[in-house]
Amino acid sequence: MMFMEIQATDIAQTLSTLVRRVLAANPSPFTYTGTQTYVVGTGDVAIIDPGPADPDHIAGILAATAGQRITAIVCTHTHRDHSPGAKPLAEASGAPIIGCAPLMLEDSGPRADASFDPNYVPDRVLSDGERLSGVGWTLEAVATPGHTSNHLCYALIEEGALFTGDHIMGWSTTVVSPPDGDMADYMASLDKLIARTDAIYYPAHGEPVTNPQRFARSLAGHRKQREGQILRLVRDGVGVIEDMVPRMYSGIDKQLYPAAGRSVLAHLIDLENRGKAVRDGVAWRVEAIA
């Protein structure tokens, strides 16, 4: 899966004929080495996920596209490590902001950088299957709700590539945080990608994925295993999320427990909607044995 070393921040690295990436200097236990902004094209270019509103990162994107024309600034979703750079980049380049819909929600999750960007104002919102193009490249929106309700992936038609944002990452599983994050939607979106024929995934965090369908199937299988763990714990009387997480995620840093708990909650809500679990105050109990 991993075939390139992570580059220095705010400097473009070529991945293919049409794709370069610029790594933002926002590493964390949640973002891995940082958010990866992608430059698509060689003359008229699109910028996918401009990242945080960091002046050095915006300068790095502009340096990477010097002598070229930015024709579209494209966002997969509006978490604060992905879309805030759109506004200053648009002001500097004159390019329109295109892609996912705005989302004005208060995120109750544990990450300040993952709360929604209130300043994101797109010039054009893309629906599933809509395209935008430049000289030598075509991007098609692929609706993939789950991580967030407004999440879009983008297929680069000419290279059989898919920019997966946070829906599929190259280093870790994705946090699905209610109320906006939805596990049923996330699983359906995984199935949607499994049915596609993309040759490579370019995630916003982590290295390119060169075995995309197999990798997506492994993520779906992992989620099903987590669901099974949760049901077993609840049947055994461990019905409080804070008690489940240390048993389920014993190998991770404890500072990641709150984020893991959000995905556990997303699983439980999905199980509740399917009639398999019931919320009983702060605890959960099994309604029916699957």
C-alpha atoms as a PDB file:
ATOM      1  CA  MET A   1       0.000   0.000   0.000  1.00  0.00           C
ATOM      2  CA  MET A   2       2.713   2.502   0.914  1.00  0.00           C
ATOM      3  CA  PHE A   3       5.206   3.298  -1.788  1.00  0.00           C
ATOM      4  CA  MET A   4       6.519   6.798  -1.060  1.00  0.00           C
ATOM      5  CA  GLU A   5       8.126   8.486   1.881  1.00  0.00           C
ATOM      6  CA  ILE A   6       6.332  11.497   3.294  1.00  0.00           C
ATOM      7  CA  GLN A   7       7.794  14.705   1.940  1.00  0.00           C
ATOM      8  CA  ALA A   8       8.632  17.975   3.634  1.00  0.00           C
ATOM      9  CA  THR A   9       5.701  20.247   4.400  1.00  0.00           C
ATOM     10  CA  ASP A  10       4.428  22.895   1.981  1.00  0.00           C
ATOM     11  CA  ILE A  11       6.540  21.569  -0.908  1.00  0.00           C
ATOM     12  CA  ALA A  12       4.984  19.848  -3.923  1.00  0.00           C
ATOM     13  CA  GLN A  13       5.766  16.185  -4.577  1.00  0.00           C
ATOM     14  CA  THR A  14       4.870  14.553  -7.893  1.00  0.00           C
ATOM     15  CA  LEU A  15       2.811  11.351  -7.641  1.00  0.00           C
ATOM     16  CA  SER A  16       1.758  10.869 -11.282  1.00  0.00           C
ATOM     17  CA  THR A  17       1.548  12.724 -14.575  1.00  0.00           C
ATOM     18  CA  LEU A  18      -1.484  14.686 -13.364  1.00  0.00           C
ATOM     19  CA  VAL A  19      -1.171  14.572  -9.565  1.00  0.00           C
ATOM     20  CA  ARG A  20       1.044  16.372  -7.072  1.00  0.00           C
ATOM     21  CA  ARG A  21       0.590  16.714  -3.317  1.00  0.00           C
ATOM     22  CA  VAL A  22       1.497  19.415  -0.812  1.00  0.00           C
ATOM     23  CA  LEU A  23       1.601  18.328   2.820  1.00  0.00           C
ATOM     24  CA  ALA A  24       0.303  20.820   5.409  1.00  0.00           C
ATOM     25  CA  ALA A  25       2.248  21.275   8.637  1.00  0.00           C
ATOM     26  CA  ASN A  26      -0.609  20.099  10.873  1.00  0.00           C
ATOM     27  CA  PRO A  27       0.480  16.663  12.115  1.00  0.00           C
ATOM     28  CA  SER A  28      -1.409  15.202  15.066  1.00  0.00           C
ATOM     29  CA  PRO A  29      -2.551  11.855  16.454  1.00  0.00           C
ATOM     30  CA  PHE A  30      -5.678  12.395  14.331  1.00  0.00           C
ATOM     31  CA  THR A  31      -4.165  13.739  11.084  1.00  0.00           C
ATOM     32  CA  TYR A  32      -1.042  11.534  10.948  1.00  0.00           C
ATOM     33  CA  THR A  33       1.670  13.561   9.165  1.00  0.00           C
ATOM     34  CA  GLY A  34      -0.846  16.270   8.220  1.00  0.00           C
ATOM     35  CA  THR A  35      -3.472  17.073   5.626  1.00  0.00           C
ATOM     36  CA  GLN A  36      -2.434  16.407   2.048  1.00  0.00           C
ATOM     37  CA  THR A  37      -3.539  18.946  -0.520  1.00  0.00           C
ATOM     38  CA  TYR A  38      -3.590  17.640  -4.079  1.00  0.00           C
ATOM     39  CA  VAL A  39      -2.823  19.587  -7.249  1.00  0.00           C
ATOM     40  CA  VAL A  40      -4.499  18.062 -10.308  1.00  0.00           C
ATOM     41  CA  GLY A  41      -3.361  18.998 -13.817  1.00  0.00           C
ATOM     42  CA  THR A  42      -0.339  20.667 -15.378  1.00  0.00           C
ATOM     43  CA  GLY A  43      -1.664  23.884 -16.913  1.00  0.00           C
ATOM     44  CA  ASP A  44      -5.116  24.708 -15.672  1.00  0.00           C
ATOM     45  CA  VAL A  45      -5.139  22.988 -12.285  1.00  0.00           C
ATOM     46  CA  ALA A  46      -7.584  22.044  -9.543  1.00  0.00           C
ATOM     47  CA  ILE A  47      -6.669  22.081  -5.869  1.00  0.00           C
ATOM     48  CA  ILE A  48      -8.289  19.334  -3.774  1.00  0.00           C
ATOM     49  CA  ASP A  49      -8.581  19.946  -0.012  1.00  0.00           C
ATOM     50  CA  PRO A  50      -6.629  23.192   0.466  1.00  0.00           C
ATOM     51  CA  GLY A  51      -6.238  22.291   4.142  1.00  0.00           C
ATOM     52  CA  PRO A  52      -5.976  24.639   7.111  1.00  0.00           C
ATOM     53  CA  ALA A  53      -5.795  28.413   6.677  1.00  0.00           C
ATOM     54  CA  ASP A  54      -2.048  28.375   7.308  1.00  0.00           C
ATOM     55  CA  PRO A  55      -0.210  31.151   5.415  1.00  0.00           C
ATOM     56  CA  ASP A  56       2.822  28.910   4.845  1.00  0.00           C
ATOM     57  CA  HIS A  57       0.643  26.175   3.382  1.00  0.00           C
ATOM     58  CA  ILE A  58      -1.211  28.588   1.103  1.00  0.00           C
ATOM     59  CA  ALA A  59       2.156  29.963  -0.011  1.00  0.00           C
ATOM     60  CA  GLY A  60       3.319  26.410  -0.711  1.00  0.00           C
ATOM     61  CA  ILE A  61       0.275  25.726  -2.894  1.00  0.00           C
ATOM     62  CA  LEU A  62       0.811  28.975  -4.801  1.00  0.00           C
ATOM     63  CA  ALA A  63       4.503  28.159  -5.280  1.00  0.00           C
ATOM     64  CA  ALA A  64       3.598  24.692  -6.565  1.00  0.00           C
ATOM     65  CA  THR A  65       1.258  26.234  -9.148  1.00  0.00           C
ATOM     66  CA  ALA A  66       3.428  29.183 -10.190  1.00  0.00           C
ATOM     67  CA  GLY A  67       2.984  29.806 -13.912  1.00  0.00           C
ATOM     68  CA  GLN A  68      -0.224  27.775 -13.922  1.00  0.00           C
ATOM     69  CA  ARG A  69      -3.831  28.821 -13.455  1.00  0.00           C
ATOM     70  CA  ILE A  70      -5.897  27.501 -10.552  1.00  0.00           C
ATOM     71  CA  THR A  71      -9.359  26.986 -12.042  1.00  0.00           C
ATOM     72  CA  ALA A  72     -11.080  25.249  -9.118  1.00  0.00           C
ATOM     73  CA  ILE A  73     -10.593  24.841  -5.371  1.00  0.00           C
ATOM     74  CA  VAL A  74     -12.280  21.571  -4.484  1.00  0.00           C
ATOM     75  CA  CYS A  75     -13.186  20.347  -0.984  1.00  0.00           C
ATOM     76  CA  THR A  76     -14.092  16.810   0.085  1.00  0.00           C
ATOM     77  CA  HIS A  77     -15.741  17.989   3.326  1.00  0.00           C
ATOM     78  CA  THR A  78     -15.640  20.889   5.735  1.00  0.00           C
ATOM     79  CA  HIS A  79     -13.691  19.726   8.773  1.00  0.00           C
ATOM     80  CA  ARG A  80     -11.213  22.397   9.806  1.00  0.00           C
ATOM     81  CA  ASP A  81      -8.154  20.491   8.645  1.00  0.00           C
ATOM     82  CA  HIS A  82      -9.547  20.362   5.086  1.00  0.00           C
ATOM     83  CA  SER A  83     -11.479  23.429   3.923  1.00  0.00           C
ATOM     84  CA  PRO A  84     -10.439  26.666   5.738  1.00  0.00           C
ATOM     85  CA  GLY A  85      -7.600  27.193   3.274  1.00  0.00           C
ATOM     86  CA  ALA A  86     -10.162  27.537   0.485  1.00  0.00           C
ATOM     87  CA  LYS A  87     -11.028  31.140   1.298  1.00  0.00           C
ATOM     88  CA  PRO A  88      -7.484  32.618   1.373  1.00  0.00           C
ATOM     89  CA  LEU A  89      -6.496  30.538  -1.655  1.00  0.00           C
ATOM     90  CA  ALA A  90      -9.525  31.821  -3.570  1.00  0.00           C
ATOM     91  CA  GLU A  91      -8.645  35.383  -2.623  1.00  0.00           C
ATOM     92  CA  ALA A  92      -5.060  34.881  -3.802  1.00  0.00           C
ATOM     93  CA  SER A  93      -5.872  33.057  -7.043  1.00  0.00           C
ATOM     94  CA  GLY A  94      -9.348  34.227  -8.055  1.00  0.00           C
ATOM     95  CA  ALA A  95     -10.436  30.592  -8.430  1.00  0.00           C
ATOM     96  CA  PRO A  96     -13.964  29.480  -7.494  1.00  0.00           C
ATOM     97  CA  ILE A  97     -14.603  27.145  -4.557  1.00  0.00           C
ATOM     98  CA  ILE A  98     -16.367  24.029  -5.822  1.00  0.00           C
ATOM     99  CA  GLY A  99     -17.386  20.740  -4.265  1.00  0.00           C
ATOM    100  CA  CYS A 100     -19.094  19.656  -1.077  1.00  0.00           C
ATOM    101  CA  ALA A 101     -22.040  21.483   0.443  1.00  0.00           C
ATOM    102  CA  PRO A 102     -21.575  23.720   3.499  1.00  0.00           C
ATOM    103  CA  LEU A 103     -22.501  22.166   6.815  1.00  0.00           C
ATOM    104  CA  MET A 104     -23.297  24.301   9.832  1.00  0.00           C
ATOM    105  CA  LEU A 105     -23.279  21.891  12.755  1.00  0.00           C
ATOM    106  CA  GLU A 106     -21.681  21.928  16.156  1.00  0.00           C
ATOM    107  CA  ASP A 107     -19.525  18.800  16.303  1.00  0.00           C
ATOM    108  CA  SER A 108     -19.758  17.133  19.707  1.00  0.00           C
ATOM    109  CA  GLY A 109     -16.660  15.082  19.026  1.00  0.00           C
ATOM    110  CA  PRO A 110     -13.319  15.355  20.822  1.00  0.00           C
ATOM    111  CA  ARG A 111     -11.308  17.150  18.135  1.00  0.00           C
ATOM    112  CA  ALA A 112     -11.120  20.913  17.782  1.00  0.00           C
ATOM    113  CA  ASP A 113      -9.578  20.571  14.309  1.00  0.00           C
ATOM    114  CA  ALA A 114     -12.462  18.375  13.174  1.00  0.00           C
ATOM    115  CA  SER A 115     -15.233  20.813  13.988  1.00  0.00           C
ATOM    116  CA  PHE A 116     -16.933  22.213  10.925  1.00  0.00           C
ATOM    117  CA  ASP A 117     -15.587  25.222   9.058  1.00  0.00           C
ATOM    118  CA  PRO A 118     -18.122  28.064   9.485  1.00  0.00           C
ATOM    119  CA  ASN A 119     -16.466  30.208   6.815  1.00  0.00           C
ATOM    120  CA  TYR A 120     -16.796  27.719   3.963  1.00  0.00           C
ATOM    121  CA  VAL A 121     -18.911  29.282   1.206  1.00  0.00           C
ATOM    122  CA  PRO A 122     -18.778  27.348  -2.079  1.00  0.00           C
ATOM    123  CA  ASP A 123     -19.446  29.010  -5.401  1.00  0.00           C
ATOM    124  CA  ARG A 124     -20.781  25.715  -6.729  1.00  0.00           C
ATOM    125  CA  VAL A 125     -21.935  22.556  -4.947  1.00  0.00           C
ATOM    126  CA  LEU A 126     -21.443  19.277  -6.772  1.00  0.00           C
ATOM    127  CA  SER A 127     -23.912  16.408  -6.674  1.00  0.00           C
ATOM    128  CA  ASP A 128     -23.041  12.748  -7.076  1.00  0.00           C
ATOM    129  CA  GLY A 129     -21.802  12.154 -10.630  1.00  0.00           C
ATOM    130  CA  GLU A 130     -21.290  15.815 -11.539  1.00  0.00           C
ATOM    131  CA  ARG A 131     -18.030  16.694 -13.247  1.00  0.00           C
ATOM    132  CA  LEU A 132     -15.616  19.577 -13.589  1.00  0.00           C
ATOM    133  CA  SER A 133     -12.719  19.629 -15.994  1.00  0.00           C
ATOM    134  CA  GLY A 134      -9.631  21.441 -17.192  1.00  0.00           C
ATOM    135  CA  VAL A 135      -7.057  20.897 -19.895  1.00  0.00           C
ATOM    136  CA  GLY A 136      -6.239  17.176 -19.777  1.00  0.00           C
ATOM    137  CA  TRP A 137      -8.190  16.300 -16.614  1.00  0.00           C
ATOM    138  CA  THR A 138     -11.723  15.526 -15.488  1.00  0.00           C
ATOM    139  CA  LEU A 139     -12.927  15.187 -11.904  1.00  0.00           C
ATOM    140  CA  GLU A 140     -16.195  13.446 -11.052  1.00  0.00           C
ATOM    141  CA  ALA A 141     -17.880  13.829  -7.656  1.00  0.00           C
ATOM    142  CA  VAL A 142     -18.613  10.583  -5.815  1.00  0.00           C
ATOM    143  CA  ALA A 143     -20.962  11.126  -2.871  1.00  0.00           C
ATOM    144  CA  THR A 144     -19.648   9.231   0.161  1.00  0.00           C
ATOM    145  CA  PRO A 145     -21.559  10.292   3.286  1.00  0.00           C
ATOM    146  CA  GLY A 146     -20.635   8.684   6.588  1.00  0.00           C
ATOM    147  CA  HIS A 147     -17.569  10.403   8.015  1.00  0.00           C
ATOM    148  CA  THR A 148     -19.610  13.550   7.434  1.00  0.00           C
ATOM    149  CA  SER A 149     -22.943  13.917   5.678  1.00  0.00           C
ATOM    150  CA  ASN A 150     -21.436  16.260   3.055  1.00  0.00           C
ATOM    151  CA  HIS A 151     -18.385  14.131   2.190  1.00  0.00           C
ATOM    152  CA  LEU A 152     -17.441  13.778  -1.470  1.00  0.00           C
ATOM    153  CA  CYS A 153     -14.662  11.771  -3.078  1.00  0.00           C
ATOM    154  CA  TYR A 154     -13.383  12.766  -6.523  1.00  0.00           C
ATOM    155  CA  ALA A 155     -12.526  10.436  -9.385  1.00  0.00           C
ATOM    156  CA  LEU A 156      -9.775  11.535 -11.757  1.00  0.00           C
ATOM    157  CA  ILE A 157     -11.135   9.959 -14.921  1.00  0.00           C
ATOM    158  CA  GLU A 158      -7.925  10.082 -16.976  1.00  0.00           C
ATOM    159  CA  GLU A 159      -5.874   8.100 -14.442  1.00  0.00           C
ATOM    160  CA  GLY A 160      -8.462   5.872 -12.781  1.00  0.00           C
ATOM    161  CA  ALA A 161      -7.652   7.511  -9.447  1.00  0.00           C
ATOM    162  CA  LEU A 162      -9.930   8.439  -6.564  1.00  0.00           C
ATOM    163  CA  PHE A 163      -9.240  11.210  -4.056  1.00  0.00           C
ATOM    164  CA  THR A 164     -10.826   9.765  -0.925  1.00  0.00           C
ATOM    165  CA  GLY A 165     -10.552  12.624   1.587  1.00  0.00           C
ATOM    166  CA  ASP A 166     -11.220  11.165   5.033  1.00  0.00           C
ATOM    167  CA  HIS A 167     -13.606   8.456   3.845  1.00  0.00           C
ATOM    168  CA  ILE A 168     -10.641   6.136   3.310  1.00  0.00           C
ATOM    169  CA  MET A 169      -7.281   7.073   4.798  1.00  0.00           C
ATOM    170  CA  GLY A 170      -3.907   5.487   4.125  1.00  0.00           C
ATOM    171  CA  TRP A 171      -2.848   5.083   7.735  1.00  0.00           C
ATOM    172  CA  SER A 172      -5.849   4.491  10.014  1.00  0.00           C
ATOM    173  CA  THR A 173      -9.566   3.883  10.126  1.00  0.00           C
ATOM    174  CA  THR A 174     -11.919   6.844   9.866  1.00  0.00           C
ATOM    175  CA  VAL A 175     -13.690   8.321  12.871  1.00  0.00           C
ATOM    176  CA  VAL A 176     -17.467   8.367  12.439  1.00  0.00           C
ATOM    177  CA  SER A 177     -18.787  10.875  14.953  1.00  0.00           C
ATOM    178  CA  PRO A 178     -22.527  11.392  15.532  1.00  0.00           C
ATOM    179  CA  PRO A 179     -24.711  13.349  15.184  1.00  0.00           C
ATOM    180  CA  ASP A 180     -23.503  14.130  11.662  1.00  0.00           C
ATOM    181  CA  GLY A 181     -21.331  11.052  11.223  1.00  0.00           C
ATOM    182  CA  ASP A 182     -23.454   8.017  10.394  1.00  0.00           C
ATOM    183  CA  MET A 183     -22.206   4.420  10.446  1.00  0.00           C
ATOM    184  CA  ALA A 184     -24.917   3.043   8.162  1.00  0.00           C
ATOM    185  CA  ASP A 185     -24.087   5.720   5.584  1.00  0.00           C
ATOM    186  CA  TYR A 186     -20.373   5.062   6.013  1.00  0.00           C
ATOM    187  CA  MET A 187     -20.791   1.331   5.353  1.00  0.00           C
ATOM    188  CA  ALA A 188     -22.996   2.013   2.325  1.00  0.00           C
ATOM    189  CA  SER A 189     -20.363   4.395   0.971  1.00  0.00           C
ATOM    190  CA  LEU A 190     -17.673   1.738   1.443  1.00  0.00           C
ATOM    191  CA  ASP A 191     -19.816  -0.700  -0.539  1.00  0.00           C
ATOM    192  CA  LYS A 192     -20.161   1.942  -3.237  1.00  0.00           C
ATOM    193  CA  LEU A 193     -16.378   2.237  -3.558  1.00  0.00           C
ATOM    194  CA  ILE A 194     -15.879  -1.538  -3.476  1.00  0.00           C
ATOM    195  CA  ALA A 195     -18.130  -1.773  -6.531  1.00  0.00           C
ATOM    196  CA  ARG A 196     -15.997   0.747  -8.439  1.00  0.00           C
ATOM    197  CA  THR A 197     -12.892  -0.027 -10.517  1.00  0.00           C
ATOM    198  CA  ASP A 198     -10.509   2.694  -9.321  1.00  0.00           C
ATOM    199  CA  ALA A 199      -6.817   1.832  -9.734  1.00  0.00           C
ATOM    200  CA  ILE A 200      -5.487   3.916  -6.840  1.00  0.00           C
ATOM    201  CA  TYR A 201      -6.737   5.946  -3.876  1.00  0.00           C
ATOM    202  CA  TYR A 202      -5.191   9.266  -2.862  1.00  0.00           C
ATOM    203  CA  PRO A 203      -6.294   9.872   0.747  1.00  0.00           C
ATOM    204  CA  ALA A 204      -6.063  13.172   2.597  1.00  0.00           C
ATOM    205  CA  HIS A 205      -3.945  11.484   5.289  1.00  0.00           C
ATOM    206  CA  GLY A 206      -1.408   8.744   4.634  1.00  0.00           C
ATOM    207  CA  GLU A 207       0.165   7.201   1.582  1.00  0.00           C
ATOM    208  CA  PRO A 208      -1.591   6.259  -1.671  1.00  0.00           C
ATOM    209  CA  VAL A 209      -3.500   2.983  -1.612  1.00  0.00           C
ATOM    210  CA  THR A 210      -2.538   0.812  -4.564  1.00  0.00           C
ATOM    211  CA  ASN A 211      -4.928  -2.093  -3.856  1.00  0.00           C
ATOM    212  CA  PRO A 212      -8.101  -0.040  -3.493  1.00  0.00           C
ATOM    213  CA  GLN A 213     -10.958  -2.544  -3.646  1.00  0.00           C
ATOM    214  CA  ARG A 214      -9.198  -5.049  -1.389  1.00  0.00           C
ATOM    215  CA  PHE A 215      -8.354  -2.258   1.054  1.00  0.00           C
ATOM    216  CA  ALA A 216     -11.957  -0.990   1.085  1.00  0.00           C
ATOM    217  CA  ARG A 217     -13.208  -4.538   1.682  1.00  0.00           C
ATOM    218  CA  SER A 218     -10.802  -4.890   4.604  1.00  0.00           C
ATOM    219  CA  LEU A 219     -12.158  -1.671   6.121  1.00  0.00           C
ATOM    220  CA  ALA A 220     -15.722  -2.943   5.774  1.00  0.00           C
ATOM    221  CA  GLY A 221     -14.701  -6.231   7.393  1.00  0.00           C
ATOM    222  CA  HIS A 222     -13.006  -4.368  10.224  1.00  0.00           C
ATOM    223  CA  ARG A 223     -16.167  -2.383  10.922  1.00  0.00           C
ATOM    224  CA  LYS A 224     -18.213  -5.576  11.019  1.00  0.00           C
ATOM    225  CA  GLN A 225     -15.723  -7.058  13.479  1.00  0.00           C
ATOM    226  CA  ARG A 226     -16.084  -3.960  15.665  1.00  0.00           C
ATOM    227  CA  GLU A 227     -19.853  -4.337  15.570  1.00  0.00           C
ATOM    228  CA  GLY A 228     -19.496  -7.927  16.708  1.00  0.00           C
ATOM    229  CA  GLN A 229     -17.197  -6.851  19.555  1.00  0.00           C
ATOM    230  CA  ILE A 230     -19.735  -4.281  20.688  1.00  0.00           C
ATOM    231  CA  LEU A 231     -22.600  -6.758  20.686  1.00  0.00           C
ATOM    232  CA  ARG A 232     -20.556  -9.267  22.688  1.00  0.00           C
ATOM    233  CA  LEU A 233     -19.584  -6.642  25.257  1.00  0.00           C
ATOM    234  CA  VAL A 234     -23.165  -5.434  25.652  1.00  0.00           C
ATOM    235  CA  ARG A 235     -24.403  -9.015  26.069  1.00  0.00           C
ATOM    236  CA  ASP A 236     -21.744  -9.485  28.752  1.00  0.00           C
ATOM    237  CA  GLY A 237     -23.049  -6.460  30.636  1.00  0.00           C
ATOM    238  CA  VAL A 238     -20.455  -3.913  29.483  1.00  0.00           C
ATOM    239  CA  GLY A 239     -22.941  -1.333  28.261  1.00  0.00           C
ATOM    240  CA  VAL A 240     -21.173   1.989  28.868  1.00  0.00           C
ATOM    241  CA  ILE A 241     -19.035   3.317  26.017  1.00  0.00           C
ATOM    242  CA  GLU A 242     -16.265   4.512  28.339  1.00  0.00           C
ATOM    243  CA  ASP A 243     -15.931   0.923  29.584  1.00  0.00           C
ATOM    244  CA  MET A 244     -16.067  -0.586  26.093  1.00  0.00           C
ATOM    245  CA  VAL A 245     -13.307   1.515  24.526  1.00  0.00           C
ATOM    246  CA  PRO A 246     -10.338   0.290  26.652  1.00  0.00           C
ATOM    247  CA  ARG A 247     -11.363  -3.301  25.955  1.00  0.00           C
ATOM    248  CA  MET A 248     -11.767  -2.728  22.223  1.00  0.00           C
ATOM    249  CA  TYR A 249      -8.799  -0.412  21.622  1.00  0.00           C
ATOM    250  CA  SER A 250      -6.190  -1.645  24.081  1.00  0.00           C
ATOM    251  CA  GLY A 251      -3.313  -0.971  21.687  1.00  0.00           C
ATOM    252  CA  ILE A 252      -3.923   2.724  20.960  1.00  0.00           C
ATOM    253  CA  ASP A 253      -2.826   5.889  22.744  1.00  0.00           C
ATOM    254  CA  LYS A 254      -5.309   6.771  25.483  1.00  0.00           C
ATOM    255  CA  GLN A 255      -5.680  10.295  24.088  1.00  0.00           C
ATOM    256  CA  LEU A 256      -7.435   8.669  21.135  1.00  0.00           C
ATOM    257  CA  TYR A 257     -10.046   7.009  23.370  1.00  0.00           C
ATOM    258  CA  PRO A 258     -12.600   9.851  23.024  1.00  0.00           C
ATOM    259  CA  ALA A 259     -12.446   9.671  19.225  1.00  0.00           C
ATOM    260  CA  ALA A 260     -12.744   5.875  19.328  1.00  0.00           C
ATOM    261  CA  GLY A 261     -15.751   6.299  21.578  1.00  0.00           C
ATOM    262  CA  ARG A 262     -17.477   8.382  18.907  1.00  0.00           C
ATOM    263  CA  SER A 263     -17.197   5.518  16.420  1.00  0.00           C
ATOM    264  CA  VAL A 264     -18.473   3.078  19.058  1.00  0.00           C
ATOM    265  CA  LEU A 265     -21.457   5.379  19.565  1.00  0.00           C
ATOM    266  CA  ALA A 266     -22.025   5.447  15.785  1.00  0.00           C
ATOM    267  CA  HIS A 267     -22.075   1.645  15.755  1.00  0.00           C
ATOM    268  CA  LEU A 268     -24.523   1.554  18.672  1.00  0.00           C
ATOM    269  CA  ILE A 269     -26.875   4.039  17.011  1.00  0.00           C
ATOM    270  CA  ASP A 270     -26.782   1.911  13.862  1.00  0.00           C
ATOM    271  CA  LEU A 271     -27.531  -1.209  15.932  1.00  0.00           C
ATOM    272  CA  GLU A 272     -30.382   0.652  17.631  1.00  0.00           C
ATOM    273  CA  ASN A 273     -31.834   1.661  14.269  1.00  0.00           C
ATOM    274  CA  ARG A 274     -31.671  -1.988  13.209  1.00  0.00           C
ATOM    275  CA  GLY A 275     -33.413  -3.167  16.366  1.00  0.00           C
ATOM    276  CA  LYS A 276     -30.381  -4.902  17.852  1.00  0.00           C
ATOM    277  CA  ALA A 277     -29.537  -2.598  20.774  1.00  0.00           C
ATOM    278  CA  VAL A 278     -31.364  -0.207  23.076  1.00  0.00           C
ATOM    279  CA  ARG A 279     -30.094   2.833  24.943  1.00  0.00           C
ATOM    280  CA  ASP A 280     -30.845   2.670  28.654  1.00  0.00           C
ATOM    281  CA  GLY A 281     -29.696   5.974  30.112  1.00  0.00           C
ATOM    282  CA  VAL A 282     -25.906   6.133  29.707  1.00  0.00           C
ATOM    283  CA  ALA A 283     -25.718   2.391  29.099  1.00  0.00           C
ATOM    284  CA  TRP A 284     -26.758   0.115  26.271  1.00  0.00           C
ATOM    285  CA  ARG A 285     -28.364  -3.304  26.312  1.00  0.00           C
ATOM    286  CA  VAL A 286     -29.076  -5.917  23.691  1.00  0.00           C
ATOM    287  CA  GLU A 287     -32.599  -5.893  22.295  1.00  0.00           C
ATOM    288  CA  ALA A 288     -32.305  -8.934  20.071  1.00  0.00           C
ATOM    289  CA  ILE A 289     -29.514 -11.397  19.412  1.00  0.00           C
ATOM    290  CA  ALA A 290     -28.341 -11.187  15.816  1.00  0.00           C
END
